[in-house]
Amino acid sequence: MDTLCRIRDLYRAIADFEQQFTKHHGVSLNEGMLLCTLQGRPGQTSGELAEALGLSASNASKVIRSVEDKQFITRIIGSADRRQMQFALTPAGEKLIKSIKQTELELPDLLKKAVME
């Protein structure tokens, strides 16, 4: 069960990083990853975002709603199917994701090792 203990350690390292990330940028890690997913690729649906983020449709919907409430993304009515909602970054969202990408937050050693491999 060494694998289970290593997964626990990774989970804790991610939680520590997320706390630092949220404190610095004002958005959760999932919210930041959603912004990153939309950068340069507007017009994605909630289903596409859920798949890209590895979230259930319900959890993706919560993240989308939260980022939308913060005015970092906007809804676009689908051109082919007007019932389908698509999403794009607002100017504030563009500014935030650029800031996030330019900021070097300290990764816990365990995450550095996992990310750099």
C-alpha atoms as a PDB file:
ATOM      1  CA  MET A   1       0.000   0.000   0.000  1.00  0.00           C
ATOM      2  CA  ASP A   2       2.953   2.329  -0.461  1.00  0.00           C
ATOM      3  CA  THR A   3       1.123   3.677  -3.515  1.00  0.00           C
ATOM      4  CA  LEU A   4      -1.804   4.778  -1.373  1.00  0.00           C
ATOM      5  CA  CYS A   5       0.508   6.659   0.980  1.00  0.00           C
ATOM      6  CA  ARG A   6       2.233   8.368  -1.945  1.00  0.00           C
ATOM      7  CA  ILE A   7      -1.154   9.408  -3.378  1.00  0.00           C
ATOM      8  CA  ARG A   8      -2.075  10.819   0.046  1.00  0.00           C
ATOM      9  CA  ASP A   9       1.154  12.829   0.074  1.00  0.00           C
ATOM     10  CA  LEU A  10       0.467  14.141  -3.436  1.00  0.00           C
ATOM     11  CA  TYR A  11      -3.073  15.089  -2.450  1.00  0.00           C
ATOM     12  CA  ARG A  12      -1.767  17.031   0.554  1.00  0.00           C
ATOM     13  CA  ALA A  13       0.868  18.761  -1.604  1.00  0.00           C
ATOM     14  CA  ILE A  14      -1.808  19.779  -4.111  1.00  0.00           C
ATOM     15  CA  ALA A  15      -4.037  21.051  -1.282  1.00  0.00           C
ATOM     16  CA  ASP A  16      -1.136  23.130   0.096  1.00  0.00           C
ATOM     17  CA  PHE A  17      -0.413  24.532  -3.369  1.00  0.00           C
ATOM     18  CA  GLU A  18      -4.100  25.305  -3.946  1.00  0.00           C
ATOM     19  CA  GLN A  19      -4.261  27.238  -0.675  1.00  0.00           C
ATOM     20  CA  GLN A  20      -1.269  29.345  -1.756  1.00  0.00           C
ATOM     21  CA  PHE A  21      -2.692  29.727  -5.293  1.00  0.00           C
ATOM     22  CA  THR A  22      -6.113  30.851  -4.021  1.00  0.00           C
ATOM     23  CA  LYS A  23      -4.593  33.312  -1.577  1.00  0.00           C
ATOM     24  CA  HIS A  24      -2.432  34.872  -4.305  1.00  0.00           C
ATOM     25  CA  HIS A  25      -4.900  34.915  -7.233  1.00  0.00           C
ATOM     26  CA  GLY A  26      -8.349  34.917  -5.617  1.00  0.00           C
ATOM     27  CA  VAL A  27      -9.549  31.855  -7.540  1.00  0.00           C
ATOM     28  CA  SER A  28      -9.409  28.139  -6.798  1.00  0.00           C
ATOM     29  CA  LEU A  29      -7.173  25.780  -8.706  1.00  0.00           C
ATOM     30  CA  ASN A  30     -10.153  24.430 -10.691  1.00  0.00           C
ATOM     31  CA  GLU A  31     -11.203  27.988 -11.544  1.00  0.00           C
ATOM     32  CA  GLY A  32      -7.682  28.815 -12.703  1.00  0.00           C
ATOM     33  CA  MET A  33      -7.520  25.651 -14.800  1.00  0.00           C
ATOM     34  CA  LEU A  34     -10.868  26.550 -16.380  1.00  0.00           C
ATOM     35  CA  LEU A  35      -9.476  29.956 -17.372  1.00  0.00           C
ATOM     36  CA  CYS A  36      -6.382  28.263 -18.773  1.00  0.00           C
ATOM     37  CA  THR A  37      -8.581  25.872 -20.761  1.00  0.00           C
ATOM     38  CA  LEU A  38     -10.534  28.755 -22.306  1.00  0.00           C
ATOM     39  CA  GLN A  39      -7.505  30.902 -23.105  1.00  0.00           C
ATOM     40  CA  GLY A  40      -7.125  30.993 -26.862  1.00  0.00           C
ATOM     41  CA  ARG A  41     -10.007  28.529 -27.282  1.00  0.00           C
ATOM     42  CA  PRO A  42     -13.302  30.346 -26.714  1.00  0.00           C
ATOM     43  CA  GLY A  43     -16.613  28.735 -27.524  1.00  0.00           C
ATOM     44  CA  GLN A  44     -16.237  25.580 -25.462  1.00  0.00           C
ATOM     45  CA  THR A  45     -19.355  24.043 -23.966  1.00  0.00           C
ATOM     46  CA  SER A  46     -19.767  23.033 -20.337  1.00  0.00           C
ATOM     47  CA  GLY A  47     -19.394  19.386 -21.372  1.00  0.00           C
ATOM     48  CA  GLU A  48     -16.129  20.110 -23.155  1.00  0.00           C
ATOM     49  CA  LEU A  49     -14.866  22.058 -20.150  1.00  0.00           C
ATOM     50  CA  ALA A  50     -15.864  19.249 -17.769  1.00  0.00           C
ATOM     51  CA  GLU A  51     -13.947  16.744 -19.887  1.00  0.00           C
ATOM     52  CA  ALA A  52     -10.873  18.969 -20.171  1.00  0.00           C
ATOM     53  CA  LEU A  53     -10.839  19.543 -16.403  1.00  0.00           C
ATOM     54  CA  GLY A  54     -11.604  15.942 -15.492  1.00  0.00           C
ATOM     55  CA  LEU A  55     -14.700  16.978 -13.539  1.00  0.00           C
ATOM     56  CA  SER A  56     -18.213  15.633 -13.441  1.00  0.00           C
ATOM     57  CA  ALA A  57     -20.814  17.740 -15.245  1.00  0.00           C
ATOM     58  CA  SER A  58     -22.201  18.840 -11.877  1.00  0.00           C
ATOM     59  CA  ASN A  59     -18.826  19.936 -10.482  1.00  0.00           C
ATOM     60  CA  ALA A  60     -17.896  21.650 -13.753  1.00  0.00           C
ATOM     61  CA  SER A  61     -21.180  23.549 -13.622  1.00  0.00           C
ATOM     62  CA  LYS A  62     -20.316  24.823 -10.125  1.00  0.00           C
ATOM     63  CA  VAL A  63     -16.856  25.946 -11.234  1.00  0.00           C
ATOM     64  CA  ILE A  64     -18.275  27.633 -14.347  1.00  0.00           C
ATOM     65  CA  ARG A  65     -20.922  29.428 -12.296  1.00  0.00           C
ATOM     66  CA  SER A  66     -18.320  30.602  -9.756  1.00  0.00           C
ATOM     67  CA  VAL A  67     -15.972  31.983 -12.424  1.00  0.00           C
ATOM     68  CA  GLU A  68     -18.898  33.543 -14.243  1.00  0.00           C
ATOM     69  CA  ASP A  69     -20.070  35.206 -10.999  1.00  0.00           C
ATOM     70  CA  LYS A  70     -16.560  36.672 -10.664  1.00  0.00           C
ATOM     71  CA  GLN A  71     -16.982  38.020 -14.222  1.00  0.00           C
ATOM     72  CA  PHE A  72     -13.958  36.178 -15.638  1.00  0.00           C
ATOM     73  CA  ILE A  73     -15.994  34.326 -18.275  1.00  0.00           C
ATOM     74  CA  THR A  74     -19.102  35.064 -20.298  1.00  0.00           C
ATOM     75  CA  ARG A  75     -21.733  32.923 -21.976  1.00  0.00           C
ATOM     76  CA  ILE A  76     -22.089  32.848 -25.733  1.00  0.00           C
ATOM     77  CA  ILE A  77     -25.221  31.540 -27.394  1.00  0.00           C
ATOM     78  CA  GLY A  78     -24.304  28.730 -29.779  1.00  0.00           C
ATOM     79  CA  SER A  79     -24.448  29.725 -33.443  1.00  0.00           C
ATOM     80  CA  ALA A  80     -25.508  26.296 -34.731  1.00  0.00           C
ATOM     81  CA  ASP A  81     -27.783  25.473 -31.790  1.00  0.00           C
ATOM     82  CA  ARG A  82     -29.104  28.498 -29.917  1.00  0.00           C
ATOM     83  CA  ARG A  83     -29.962  26.276 -26.931  1.00  0.00           C
ATOM     84  CA  GLN A  84     -26.323  25.422 -26.379  1.00  0.00           C
ATOM     85  CA  MET A  85     -24.219  27.698 -24.213  1.00  0.00           C
ATOM     86  CA  GLN A  86     -20.558  28.240 -24.901  1.00  0.00           C
ATOM     87  CA  PHE A  87     -18.054  30.135 -22.811  1.00  0.00           C
ATOM     88  CA  ALA A  88     -15.247  32.621 -23.390  1.00  0.00           C
ATOM     89  CA  LEU A  89     -12.920  34.704 -21.255  1.00  0.00           C
ATOM     90  CA  THR A  90     -13.843  38.288 -20.494  1.00  0.00           C
ATOM     91  CA  PRO A  91     -11.121  40.957 -20.587  1.00  0.00           C
ATOM     92  CA  ALA A  92     -10.809  40.527 -16.791  1.00  0.00           C
ATOM     93  CA  GLY A  93     -10.424  36.774 -17.272  1.00  0.00           C
ATOM     94  CA  GLU A  94      -7.741  37.313 -19.929  1.00  0.00           C
ATOM     95  CA  LYS A  95      -5.882  39.650 -17.579  1.00  0.00           C
ATOM     96  CA  LEU A  96      -6.090  37.176 -14.686  1.00  0.00           C
ATOM     97  CA  ILE A  97      -4.879  34.146 -16.657  1.00  0.00           C
ATOM     98  CA  LYS A  98      -1.952  36.173 -18.026  1.00  0.00           C
ATOM     99  CA  SER A  99      -1.083  37.188 -14.462  1.00  0.00           C
ATOM    100  CA  ILE A 100      -1.363  33.589 -13.277  1.00  0.00           C
ATOM    101  CA  LYS A 101       0.942  32.360 -16.027  1.00  0.00           C
ATOM    102  CA  GLN A 102       3.530  35.040 -15.226  1.00  0.00           C
ATOM    103  CA  THR A 103       3.553  34.289 -11.499  1.00  0.00           C
ATOM    104  CA  GLU A 104       5.929  31.681 -10.132  1.00  0.00           C
ATOM    105  CA  LEU A 105       4.427  30.212  -6.981  1.00  0.00           C
ATOM    106  CA  GLU A 106       6.587  27.824  -4.994  1.00  0.00           C
ATOM    107  CA  LEU A 107       5.625  24.229  -5.709  1.00  0.00           C
ATOM    108  CA  PRO A 108       5.973  21.717  -2.870  1.00  0.00           C
ATOM    109  CA  ASP A 109       8.956  19.431  -3.574  1.00  0.00           C
ATOM    110  CA  LEU A 110       6.721  16.415  -4.158  1.00  0.00           C
ATOM    111  CA  LEU A 111       4.774  18.310  -6.826  1.00  0.00           C
ATOM    112  CA  LYS A 112       7.962  19.647  -8.434  1.00  0.00           C
ATOM    113  CA  LYS A 113       9.112  16.094  -8.857  1.00  0.00           C
ATOM    114  CA  ALA A 114       5.768  14.974 -10.312  1.00  0.00           C
ATOM    115  CA  VAL A 115       5.411  17.969 -12.664  1.00  0.00           C
ATOM    116  CA  MET A 116       8.990  17.886 -13.931  1.00  0.00           C
ATOM    117  CA  GLU A 117       8.985  14.166 -14.816  1.00  0.00           C
END
